[in-house]
């Protein structure tokens, strides 16, 4: 088996384990940005924040976050954050990230 097929199988095992961690990070980042108001961030981060807040409300008190985490996981699975980010990021910049120098 090639290294790429092995990597692919490994990703299929680990990605579902990582998604809840990324979802919690999204929730924490959105909450942190909320507390920085009325200051504004970059346009791309404001758009991502708006997308998150469209699906998940700000929380002022302790609660069970299962539904919020599931909603954030859905945003990750739909690649919504990537899609909205691409509207703001120059493709030539991101293409350089993947180019072998």
PDB file of N, CA and C in Angstrom:
ATOM      1  N   UNK A   1       0.835  -1.186   0.000  1.00  0.00           N
ATOM      2  CA  UNK A   1       0.000   0.000   0.000  1.00  0.00           C
ATOM      3  C   UNK A   1       0.877   1.245   0.000  1.00  0.00           C
ATOM      4  N   UNK A   2       0.420   2.250  -0.708  1.00  0.00           N
ATOM      5  CA  UNK A   2       1.188   3.492  -0.778  1.00  0.00           C
ATOM      6  C   UNK A   2       1.018   4.292   0.510  1.00  0.00           C
ATOM      7  N   UNK A   3       1.908   5.216   0.691  1.00  0.00           N
ATOM      8  CA  UNK A   3       1.841   6.077   1.871  1.00  0.00           C
ATOM      9  C   UNK A   3       0.554   6.906   1.862  1.00  0.00           C
ATOM     10  N   UNK A   4       0.068   7.260   0.672  1.00  0.00           N
ATOM     11  CA  UNK A   4      -1.136   8.080   0.572  1.00  0.00           C
ATOM     12  C   UNK A   4      -2.389   7.309   0.967  1.00  0.00           C
ATOM     13  N   UNK A   5      -2.458   6.052   0.593  1.00  0.00           N
ATOM     14  CA  UNK A   5      -3.624   5.261   1.002  1.00  0.00           C
ATOM     15  C   UNK A   5      -3.596   5.007   2.507  1.00  0.00           C
ATOM     16  N   UNK A   6      -2.394   4.813   3.053  1.00  0.00           N
ATOM     17  CA  UNK A   6      -2.264   4.646   4.505  1.00  0.00           C
ATOM     18  C   UNK A   6      -2.678   5.924   5.221  1.00  0.00           C
ATOM     19  N   UNK A   7      -2.225   7.057   4.710  1.00  0.00           N
ATOM     20  CA  UNK A   7      -2.590   8.347   5.289  1.00  0.00           C
ATOM     21  C   UNK A   7      -4.096   8.566   5.221  1.00  0.00           C
ATOM     22  N   UNK A   8      -4.690   8.218   4.097  1.00  0.00           N
ATOM     23  CA  UNK A   8      -6.136   8.366   3.927  1.00  0.00           C
ATOM     24  C   UNK A   8      -6.906   7.553   4.957  1.00  0.00           C
ATOM     25  N   UNK A   9      -6.490   6.317   5.155  1.00  0.00           N
ATOM     26  CA  UNK A   9      -7.164   5.472   6.148  1.00  0.00           C
ATOM     27  C   UNK A   9      -6.977   6.030   7.556  1.00  0.00           C
ATOM     28  N   UNK A  10      -5.785   6.547   7.829  1.00  0.00           N
ATOM     29  CA  UNK A  10      -5.512   7.137   9.139  1.00  0.00           C
ATOM     30  C   UNK A  10      -6.408   8.354   9.375  1.00  0.00           C
ATOM     31  N   UNK A  11      -6.562   9.188   8.358  1.00  0.00           N
ATOM     32  CA  UNK A  11      -7.426  10.372   8.478  1.00  0.00           C
ATOM     33  C   UNK A  11      -8.868   9.980   8.751  1.00  0.00           C
ATOM     34  N   UNK A  12      -9.345   8.943   8.089  1.00  0.00           N
ATOM     35  CA  UNK A  12     -10.722   8.501   8.304  1.00  0.00           C
ATOM     36  C   UNK A  12     -10.945   8.059   9.743  1.00  0.00           C
ATOM     37  N   UNK A  13      -9.901   7.561  10.389  1.00  0.00           N
ATOM     38  CA  UNK A  13     -10.007   7.140  11.787  1.00  0.00           C
ATOM     39  C   UNK A  13      -9.948   8.346  12.719  1.00  0.00           C
ATOM     40  N   UNK A  14      -9.019   9.269  12.461  1.00  0.00           N
ATOM     41  CA  UNK A  14      -8.771  10.352  13.412  1.00  0.00           C
ATOM     42  C   UNK A  14      -9.645  11.582  13.235  1.00  0.00           C
ATOM     43  N   UNK A  15     -10.111  11.871  12.028  1.00  0.00           N
ATOM     44  CA  UNK A  15     -10.918  13.076  11.826  1.00  0.00           C
ATOM     45  C   UNK A  15     -12.167  13.113  12.708  1.00  0.00           C
ATOM     46  N   UNK A  16     -12.925  12.028  12.815  1.00  0.00           N
ATOM     47  CA  UNK A  16     -14.088  12.084  13.712  1.00  0.00           C
ATOM     48  C   UNK A  16     -13.711  12.344  15.176  1.00  0.00           C
ATOM     49  N   UNK A  17     -12.510  11.971  15.560  1.00  0.00           N
ATOM     50  CA  UNK A  17     -12.058  12.223  16.924  1.00  0.00           C
ATOM     51  C   UNK A  17     -11.657  13.681  17.129  1.00  0.00           C
ATOM     52  N   UNK A  18     -11.208  14.315  16.071  1.00  0.00           N
ATOM     53  CA  UNK A  18     -10.731  15.697  16.146  1.00  0.00           C
ATOM     54  C   UNK A  18     -11.876  16.700  15.999  1.00  0.00           C
ATOM     55  N   UNK A  19     -12.922  16.342  15.283  1.00  0.00           N
ATOM     56  CA  UNK A  19     -14.019  17.287  15.021  1.00  0.00           C
ATOM     57  C   UNK A  19     -14.603  17.912  16.285  1.00  0.00           C
ATOM     58  N   UNK A  20     -14.880  17.153  17.347  1.00  0.00           N
ATOM     59  CA  UNK A  20     -15.416  17.800  18.556  1.00  0.00           C
ATOM     60  C   UNK A  20     -14.437  18.804  19.176  1.00  0.00           C
ATOM     61  N   UNK A  21     -13.152  18.513  19.082  1.00  0.00           N
ATOM     62  CA  UNK A  21     -12.147  19.441  19.616  1.00  0.00           C
ATOM     63  C   UNK A  21     -12.158  20.735  18.809  1.00  0.00           C
ATOM     64  N   UNK A  22     -12.184  20.611  17.484  1.00  0.00           N
ATOM     65  CA  UNK A  22     -12.255  21.800  16.635  1.00  0.00           C
ATOM     66  C   UNK A  22     -13.546  22.577  16.874  1.00  0.00           C
ATOM     67  N   UNK A  23     -14.638  21.867  17.088  1.00  0.00           N
ATOM     68  CA  UNK A  23     -15.931  22.518  17.343  1.00  0.00           C
ATOM     69  C   UNK A  23     -15.872  23.341  18.626  1.00  0.00           C
ATOM     70  N   UNK A  24     -15.292  22.778  19.659  1.00  0.00           N
ATOM     71  CA  UNK A  24     -15.166  23.503  20.928  1.00  0.00           C
ATOM     72  C   UNK A  24     -14.270  24.724  20.743  1.00  0.00           C
ATOM     73  N   UNK A  25     -13.198  24.580  19.980  1.00  0.00           N
ATOM     74  CA  UNK A  25     -12.327  25.718  19.690  1.00  0.00           C
ATOM     75  C   UNK A  25     -13.094  26.826  18.959  1.00  0.00           C
ATOM     76  N   UNK A  26     -13.958  26.441  18.023  1.00  0.00           N
ATOM     77  CA  UNK A  26     -14.781  27.433  17.328  1.00  0.00           C
ATOM     78  C   UNK A  26     -15.689  28.183  18.297  1.00  0.00           C
ATOM     79  N   UNK A  27     -16.325  27.432  19.189  1.00  0.00           N
ATOM     80  CA  UNK A  27     -17.209  28.060  20.179  1.00  0.00           C
ATOM     81  C   UNK A  27     -16.434  29.028  21.060  1.00  0.00           C
ATOM     82  N   UNK A  28     -15.267  28.613  21.516  1.00  0.00           N
ATOM     83  CA  UNK A  28     -14.447  29.476  22.376  1.00  0.00           C
ATOM     84  C   UNK A  28     -13.979  30.726  21.635  1.00  0.00           C
ATOM     85  N   UNK A  29     -13.586  30.555  20.391  1.00  0.00           N
ATOM     86  CA  UNK A  29     -13.134  31.710  19.604  1.00  0.00           C
ATOM     87  C   UNK A  29     -14.275  32.697  19.373  1.00  0.00           C
ATOM     88  N   UNK A  30     -15.466  32.187  19.082  1.00  0.00           N
ATOM     89  CA  UNK A  30     -16.621  33.066  18.877  1.00  0.00           C
ATOM     90  C   UNK A  30     -16.968  33.805  20.162  1.00  0.00           C
ATOM     91  N   UNK A  31     -16.942  33.099  21.282  1.00  0.00           N
ATOM     92  CA  UNK A  31     -17.217  33.737  22.576  1.00  0.00           C
ATOM     93  C   UNK A  31     -16.181  34.828  22.861  1.00  0.00           C
ATOM     94  N   UNK A  32     -14.905  34.527  22.604  1.00  0.00           N
ATOM     95  CA  UNK A  32     -13.841  35.498  22.856  1.00  0.00           C
ATOM     96  C   UNK A  32     -14.031  36.747  22.005  1.00  0.00           C
ATOM     97  N   UNK A  33     -14.404  36.552  20.749  1.00  0.00           N
ATOM     98  CA  UNK A  33     -14.637  37.700  19.868  1.00  0.00           C
ATOM     99  C   UNK A  33     -15.825  38.520  20.352  1.00  0.00           C
ATOM    100  N   UNK A  34     -16.861  37.837  20.849  1.00  0.00           N
ATOM    101  CA  UNK A  34     -18.018  38.553  21.404  1.00  0.00           C
ATOM    102  C   UNK A  34     -17.603  39.499  22.524  1.00  0.00           C
ATOM    103  N   UNK A  35     -16.684  39.044  23.359  1.00  0.00           N
ATOM    104  CA  UNK A  35     -16.266  39.845  24.510  1.00  0.00           C
ATOM    105  C   UNK A  35     -15.327  40.982  24.141  1.00  0.00           C
ATOM    106  N   UNK A  36     -14.869  41.026  22.903  1.00  0.00           N
ATOM    107  CA  UNK A  36     -14.015  42.122  22.435  1.00  0.00           C
ATOM    108  C   UNK A  36     -14.820  43.262  21.815  1.00  0.00           C
ATOM    109  N   UNK A  37     -16.138  43.101  21.746  1.00  0.00           N
ATOM    110  CA  UNK A  37     -16.980  44.136  21.161  1.00  0.00           C
ATOM    111  C   UNK A  37     -16.921  45.389  22.013  1.00  0.00           C
ATOM    112  N   UNK A  38     -16.963  46.561  21.444  1.00  0.00           N
ATOM    113  CA  UNK A  38     -17.352  46.912  20.074  1.00  0.00           C
ATOM    114  C   UNK A  38     -16.197  46.873  19.067  1.00  0.00           C
ATOM    115  N   UNK A  39     -15.019  46.399  19.466  1.00  0.00           N
ATOM    116  CA  UNK A  39     -13.923  46.310  18.518  1.00  0.00           C
ATOM    117  C   UNK A  39     -14.277  45.340  17.391  1.00  0.00           C
ATOM    118  N   UNK A  40     -13.700  45.578  16.245  1.00  0.00           N
ATOM    119  CA  UNK A  40     -13.926  44.720  15.069  1.00  0.00           C
ATOM    120  C   UNK A  40     -12.639  43.993  14.719  1.00  0.00           C
ATOM    121  N   UNK A  41     -12.796  42.846  14.100  1.00  0.00           N
ATOM    122  CA  UNK A  41     -11.662  42.075  13.615  1.00  0.00           C
ATOM    123  C   UNK A  41     -11.568  42.248  12.102  1.00  0.00           C
ATOM    124  N   UNK A  42     -10.793  41.396  11.457  1.00  0.00           N
ATOM    125  CA  UNK A  42     -10.659  41.470  10.002  1.00  0.00           C
ATOM    126  C   UNK A  42     -11.976  41.067   9.344  1.00  0.00           C
ATOM    127  N   UNK A  43     -12.185  41.470   8.104  1.00  0.00           N
ATOM    128  CA  UNK A  43     -13.432  41.108   7.420  1.00  0.00           C
ATOM    129  C   UNK A  43     -13.675  39.600   7.355  1.00  0.00           C
ATOM    130  N   UNK A  44     -12.623  38.818   7.123  1.00  0.00           N
ATOM    131  CA  UNK A  44     -12.821  37.369   7.030  1.00  0.00           C
ATOM    132  C   UNK A  44     -13.226  36.787   8.381  1.00  0.00           C
ATOM    133  N   UNK A  45     -12.599  37.239   9.466  1.00  0.00           N
ATOM    134  CA  UNK A  45     -12.971  36.734  10.788  1.00  0.00           C
ATOM    135  C   UNK A  45     -14.360  37.207  11.197  1.00  0.00           C
ATOM    136  N   UNK A  46     -14.730  38.411  10.813  1.00  0.00           N
ATOM    137  CA  UNK A  46     -16.081  38.894  11.100  1.00  0.00           C
ATOM    138  C   UNK A  46     -17.122  38.053  10.344  1.00  0.00           C
ATOM    139  N   UNK A  47     -16.817  37.682   9.105  1.00  0.00           N
ATOM    140  CA  UNK A  47     -17.745  36.855   8.322  1.00  0.00           C
ATOM    141  C   UNK A  47     -17.866  35.454   8.917  1.00  0.00           C
ATOM    142  N   UNK A  48     -16.742  34.883   9.328  1.00  0.00           N
ATOM    143  CA  UNK A  48     -16.773  33.556   9.963  1.00  0.00           C
ATOM    144  C   UNK A  48     -17.548  33.630  11.275  1.00  0.00           C
ATOM    145  N   UNK A  49     -17.304  34.677  12.053  1.00  0.00           N
ATOM    146  CA  UNK A  49     -18.014  34.857  13.324  1.00  0.00           C
ATOM    147  C   UNK A  49     -19.519  34.980  13.087  1.00  0.00           C
ATOM    148  N   UNK A  50     -19.895  35.745  12.074  1.00  0.00           N
ATOM    149  CA  UNK A  50     -21.324  35.907  11.759  1.00  0.00           C
ATOM    150  C   UNK A  50     -21.951  34.567  11.370  1.00  0.00           C
ATOM    151  N   UNK A  51     -21.226  33.766  10.611  1.00  0.00           N
ATOM    152  CA  UNK A  51     -21.725  32.450  10.236  1.00  0.00           C
ATOM    153  C   UNK A  51     -21.929  31.571  11.467  1.00  0.00           C
ATOM    154  N   UNK A  52     -20.950  31.583  12.358  1.00  0.00           N
ATOM    155  CA  UNK A  52     -21.076  30.800  13.599  1.00  0.00           C
ATOM    156  C   UNK A  52     -22.268  31.293  14.407  1.00  0.00           C
ATOM    157  N   UNK A  53     -22.384  32.596  14.562  1.00  0.00           N
ATOM    158  CA  UNK A  53     -23.466  33.154  15.376  1.00  0.00           C
ATOM    159  C   UNK A  53     -24.832  32.994  14.706  1.00  0.00           C
ATOM    160  N   UNK A  54     -24.859  32.803  13.426  1.00  0.00           N
ATOM    161  CA  UNK A  54     -26.113  32.518  12.735  1.00  0.00           C
ATOM    162  C   UNK A  54     -26.655  31.143  13.144  1.00  0.00           C
ATOM    163  N   UNK A  55     -25.749  30.237  13.492  1.00  0.00           N
ATOM    164  CA  UNK A  55     -26.132  28.871  13.864  1.00  0.00           C
ATOM    165  C   UNK A  55     -26.103  28.627  15.373  1.00  0.00           C
ATOM    166  N   UNK A  56     -25.245  29.368  16.078  1.00  0.00           N
ATOM    167  CA  UNK A  56     -25.004  29.104  17.502  1.00  0.00           C
ATOM    168  C   UNK A  56     -25.035  30.437  18.253  1.00  0.00           C
ATOM    169  N   UNK A  57     -25.929  30.560  19.216  1.00  0.00           N
ATOM    170  CA  UNK A  57     -26.051  31.792  19.984  1.00  0.00           C
ATOM    171  C   UNK A  57     -24.912  31.962  20.985  1.00  0.00           C
ATOM    172  N   UNK A  58     -24.643  33.228  21.300  1.00  0.00           N
ATOM    173  CA  UNK A  58     -23.711  33.553  22.376  1.00  0.00           C
ATOM    174  C   UNK A  58     -24.281  33.020  23.686  1.00  0.00           C
ATOM    175  N   UNK A  59     -23.422  32.592  24.570  1.00  0.00           N
ATOM    176  CA  UNK A  59     -23.867  32.058  25.851  1.00  0.00           C
ATOM    177  C   UNK A  59     -23.331  32.912  26.990  1.00  0.00           C
ATOM    178  N   UNK A  60     -24.215  33.359  27.851  1.00  0.00           N
ATOM    179  CA  UNK A  60     -23.823  34.160  29.009  1.00  0.00           C
ATOM    180  C   UNK A  60     -23.751  33.341  30.295  1.00  0.00           C
ATOM    181  N   UNK A  61     -24.261  32.118  30.260  1.00  0.00           N
ATOM    182  CA  UNK A  61     -24.282  31.315  31.478  1.00  0.00           C
ATOM    183  C   UNK A  61     -23.923  29.870  31.168  1.00  0.00           C
ATOM    184  N   UNK A  62     -23.574  29.136  32.207  1.00  0.00           N
ATOM    185  CA  UNK A  62     -23.265  27.720  32.035  1.00  0.00           C
ATOM    186  C   UNK A  62     -24.487  26.960  31.558  1.00  0.00           C
ATOM    187  N   UNK A  63     -24.250  25.998  30.706  1.00  0.00           N
ATOM    188  CA  UNK A  63     -25.318  25.161  30.185  1.00  0.00           C
ATOM    189  C   UNK A  63     -24.693  23.894  29.616  1.00  0.00           C
ATOM    190  N   UNK A  64     -25.512  23.003  29.164  1.00  0.00           N
ATOM    191  CA  UNK A  64     -25.027  21.831  28.444  1.00  0.00           C
ATOM    192  C   UNK A  64     -24.808  22.267  27.001  1.00  0.00           C
ATOM    193  N   UNK A  65     -23.610  22.085  26.502  1.00  0.00           N
ATOM    194  CA  UNK A  65     -23.230  22.599  25.186  1.00  0.00           C
ATOM    195  C   UNK A  65     -23.316  21.564  24.075  1.00  0.00           C
ATOM    196  N   UNK A  66     -23.957  20.451  24.328  1.00  0.00           N
ATOM    197  CA  UNK A  66     -24.020  19.379  23.334  1.00  0.00           C
ATOM    198  C   UNK A  66     -24.578  19.865  21.997  1.00  0.00           C
ATOM    199  N   UNK A  67     -25.692  20.582  22.024  1.00  0.00           N
ATOM    200  CA  UNK A  67     -26.303  21.061  20.773  1.00  0.00           C
ATOM    201  C   UNK A  67     -25.401  22.057  20.051  1.00  0.00           C
ATOM    202  N   UNK A  68     -24.752  22.929  20.811  1.00  0.00           N
ATOM    203  CA  UNK A  68     -23.844  23.905  20.211  1.00  0.00           C
ATOM    204  C   UNK A  68     -22.644  23.211  19.569  1.00  0.00           C
ATOM    205  N   UNK A  69     -22.097  22.221  20.248  1.00  0.00           N
ATOM    206  CA  UNK A  69     -20.960  21.477  19.707  1.00  0.00           C
ATOM    207  C   UNK A  69     -21.374  20.738  18.438  1.00  0.00           C
ATOM    208  N   UNK A  70     -22.548  20.130  18.456  1.00  0.00           N
ATOM    209  CA  UNK A  70     -23.035  19.430  17.260  1.00  0.00           C
ATOM    210  C   UNK A  70     -23.237  20.400  16.100  1.00  0.00           C
ATOM    211  N   UNK A  71     -23.753  21.588  16.380  1.00  0.00           N
ATOM    212  CA  UNK A  71     -23.931  22.594  15.317  1.00  0.00           C
ATOM    213  C   UNK A  71     -22.577  23.033  14.758  1.00  0.00           C
ATOM    214  N   UNK A  72     -21.583  23.187  15.626  1.00  0.00           N
ATOM    215  CA  UNK A  72     -20.245  23.558  15.166  1.00  0.00           C
ATOM    216  C   UNK A  72     -19.610  22.430  14.354  1.00  0.00           C
ATOM    217  N   UNK A  73     -19.820  21.196  14.776  1.00  0.00           N
ATOM    218  CA  UNK A  73     -19.314  20.053  14.004  1.00  0.00           C
ATOM    219  C   UNK A  73     -19.943  20.052  12.614  1.00  0.00           C
ATOM    220  N   UNK A  74     -21.217  20.379  12.543  1.00  0.00           N
ATOM    221  CA  UNK A  74     -21.894  20.420  11.240  1.00  0.00           C
ATOM    222  C   UNK A  74     -21.273  21.492  10.348  1.00  0.00           C
ATOM    223  N   UNK A  75     -20.942  22.658  10.914  1.00  0.00           N
ATOM    224  CA  UNK A  75     -20.270  23.703  10.129  1.00  0.00           C
ATOM    225  C   UNK A  75     -18.937  23.191   9.583  1.00  0.00           C
ATOM    226  N   UNK A  76     -18.228  22.421  10.404  1.00  0.00           N
ATOM    227  CA  UNK A  76     -16.947  21.857   9.971  1.00  0.00           C
ATOM    228  C   UNK A  76     -17.168  20.853   8.846  1.00  0.00           C
ATOM    229  N   UNK A  77     -18.111  19.960   9.034  1.00  0.00           N
ATOM    230  CA  UNK A  77     -18.362  18.925   8.028  1.00  0.00           C
ATOM    231  C   UNK A  77     -18.836  19.518   6.701  1.00  0.00           C
ATOM    232  N   UNK A  78     -19.635  20.576   6.767  1.00  0.00           N
ATOM    233  CA  UNK A  78     -20.133  21.239   5.552  1.00  0.00           C
ATOM    234  C   UNK A  78     -19.063  22.086   4.878  1.00  0.00           C
ATOM    235  N   UNK A  79     -17.947  22.278   5.553  1.00  0.00           N
ATOM    236  CA  UNK A  79     -16.851  23.137   5.093  1.00  0.00           C
ATOM    237  C   UNK A  79     -17.304  24.580   4.891  1.00  0.00           C
ATOM    238  N   UNK A  80     -18.325  24.984   5.626  1.00  0.00           N
ATOM    239  CA  UNK A  80     -18.865  26.343   5.513  1.00  0.00           C
ATOM    240  C   UNK A  80     -17.826  27.401   5.838  1.00  0.00           C
ATOM    241  N   UNK A  81     -17.010  27.137   6.832  1.00  0.00           N
ATOM    242  CA  UNK A  81     -16.006  28.122   7.239  1.00  0.00           C
ATOM    243  C   UNK A  81     -14.938  28.288   6.161  1.00  0.00           C
ATOM    244  N   UNK A  82     -14.587  27.194   5.522  1.00  0.00           N
ATOM    245  CA  UNK A  82     -13.608  27.254   4.436  1.00  0.00           C
ATOM    246  C   UNK A  82     -14.192  28.018   3.256  1.00  0.00           C
ATOM    247  N   UNK A  83     -15.439  27.720   2.929  1.00  0.00           N
ATOM    248  CA  UNK A  83     -16.074  28.381   1.784  1.00  0.00           C
ATOM    249  C   UNK A  83     -16.164  29.883   1.991  1.00  0.00           C
ATOM    250  N   UNK A  84     -16.579  30.299   3.177  1.00  0.00           N
ATOM    251  CA  UNK A  84     -16.699  31.735   3.420  1.00  0.00           C
ATOM    252  C   UNK A  84     -15.327  32.397   3.478  1.00  0.00           C
ATOM    253  N   UNK A  85     -14.328  31.692   3.975  1.00  0.00           N
ATOM    254  CA  UNK A  85     -12.972  32.238   4.024  1.00  0.00           C
ATOM    255  C   UNK A  85     -12.422  32.476   2.623  1.00  0.00           C
ATOM    256  N   UNK A  86     -12.737  31.567   1.705  1.00  0.00           N
ATOM    257  CA  UNK A  86     -12.239  31.710   0.344  1.00  0.00           C
ATOM    258  C   UNK A  86     -12.802  32.934  -0.354  1.00  0.00           C
ATOM    259  N   UNK A  87     -13.930  33.437   0.109  1.00  0.00           N
ATOM    260  CA  UNK A  87     -14.486  34.662  -0.471  1.00  0.00           C
ATOM    261  C   UNK A  87     -13.621  35.880  -0.142  1.00  0.00           C
ATOM    262  N   UNK A  88     -12.826  35.781   0.911  1.00  0.00           N
ATOM    263  CA  UNK A  88     -12.034  36.921   1.380  1.00  0.00           C
ATOM    264  C   UNK A  88     -10.538  36.777   1.123  1.00  0.00           C
ATOM    265  N   UNK A  89     -10.079  35.558   0.925  1.00  0.00           N
ATOM    266  CA  UNK A  89      -8.650  35.313   0.793  1.00  0.00           C
ATOM    267  C   UNK A  89      -8.298  35.203  -0.680  1.00  0.00           C
ATOM    268  N   UNK A  90      -7.253  35.912  -1.078  1.00  0.00           N
ATOM    269  CA  UNK A  90      -6.768  35.859  -2.449  1.00  0.00           C
ATOM    270  C   UNK A  90      -6.253  34.444  -2.734  1.00  0.00           C
ATOM    271  N   UNK A  91      -6.797  33.819  -3.759  1.00  0.00           N
ATOM    272  CA  UNK A  91      -6.435  32.435  -4.085  1.00  0.00           C
ATOM    273  C   UNK A  91      -4.942  32.293  -4.367  1.00  0.00           C
ATOM    274  N   UNK A  92      -4.304  33.311  -4.907  1.00  0.00           N
ATOM    275  CA  UNK A  92      -2.874  33.194  -5.194  1.00  0.00           C
ATOM    276  C   UNK A  92      -2.078  33.023  -3.901  1.00  0.00           C
ATOM    277  N   UNK A  93      -2.562  33.629  -2.814  1.00  0.00           N
ATOM    278  CA  UNK A  93      -1.887  33.461  -1.525  1.00  0.00           C
ATOM    279  C   UNK A  93      -2.019  32.027  -1.033  1.00  0.00           C
ATOM    280  N   UNK A  94      -3.216  31.458  -1.130  1.00  0.00           N
ATOM    281  CA  UNK A  94      -3.411  30.101  -0.634  1.00  0.00           C
ATOM    282  C   UNK A  94      -2.757  29.083  -1.554  1.00  0.00           C
ATOM    283  N   UNK A  95      -2.691  29.366  -2.851  1.00  0.00           N
ATOM    284  CA  UNK A  95      -2.027  28.449  -3.768  1.00  0.00           C
ATOM    285  C   UNK A  95      -0.550  28.305  -3.412  1.00  0.00           C
ATOM    286  N   UNK A  96       0.071  29.391  -2.957  1.00  0.00           N
ATOM    287  CA  UNK A  96       1.475  29.332  -2.559  1.00  0.00           C
ATOM    288  C   UNK A  96       1.692  28.396  -1.377  1.00  0.00           C
ATOM    289  N   UNK A  97       0.689  28.265  -0.533  1.00  0.00           N
ATOM    290  CA  UNK A  97       0.828  27.383   0.622  1.00  0.00           C
ATOM    291  C   UNK A  97       1.003  25.928   0.216  1.00  0.00           C
ATOM    292  N   UNK A  98       0.433  25.564  -0.924  1.00  0.00           N
ATOM    293  CA  UNK A  98       0.440  24.171  -1.354  1.00  0.00           C
ATOM    294  C   UNK A  98       1.498  23.881  -2.428  1.00  0.00           C
ATOM    295  N   UNK A  99       2.176  24.908  -2.866  1.00  0.00           N
ATOM    296  CA  UNK A  99       3.173  24.746  -3.912  1.00  0.00           C
ATOM    297  C   UNK A  99       4.485  24.283  -3.280  1.00  0.00           C
ATOM    298  N   UNK A 100       5.102  23.307  -3.886  1.00  0.00           N
ATOM    299  CA  UNK A 100       6.421  22.839  -3.427  1.00  0.00           C
ATOM    300  C   UNK A 100       7.480  23.763  -3.995  1.00  0.00           C
ATOM    301  N   UNK A 101       8.309  24.288  -3.120  1.00  0.00           N
ATOM    302  CA  UNK A 101       9.357  25.232  -3.544  1.00  0.00           C
ATOM    303  C   UNK A 101      10.685  24.531  -3.669  1.00  0.00           C
TER     304      UNK A 101
END
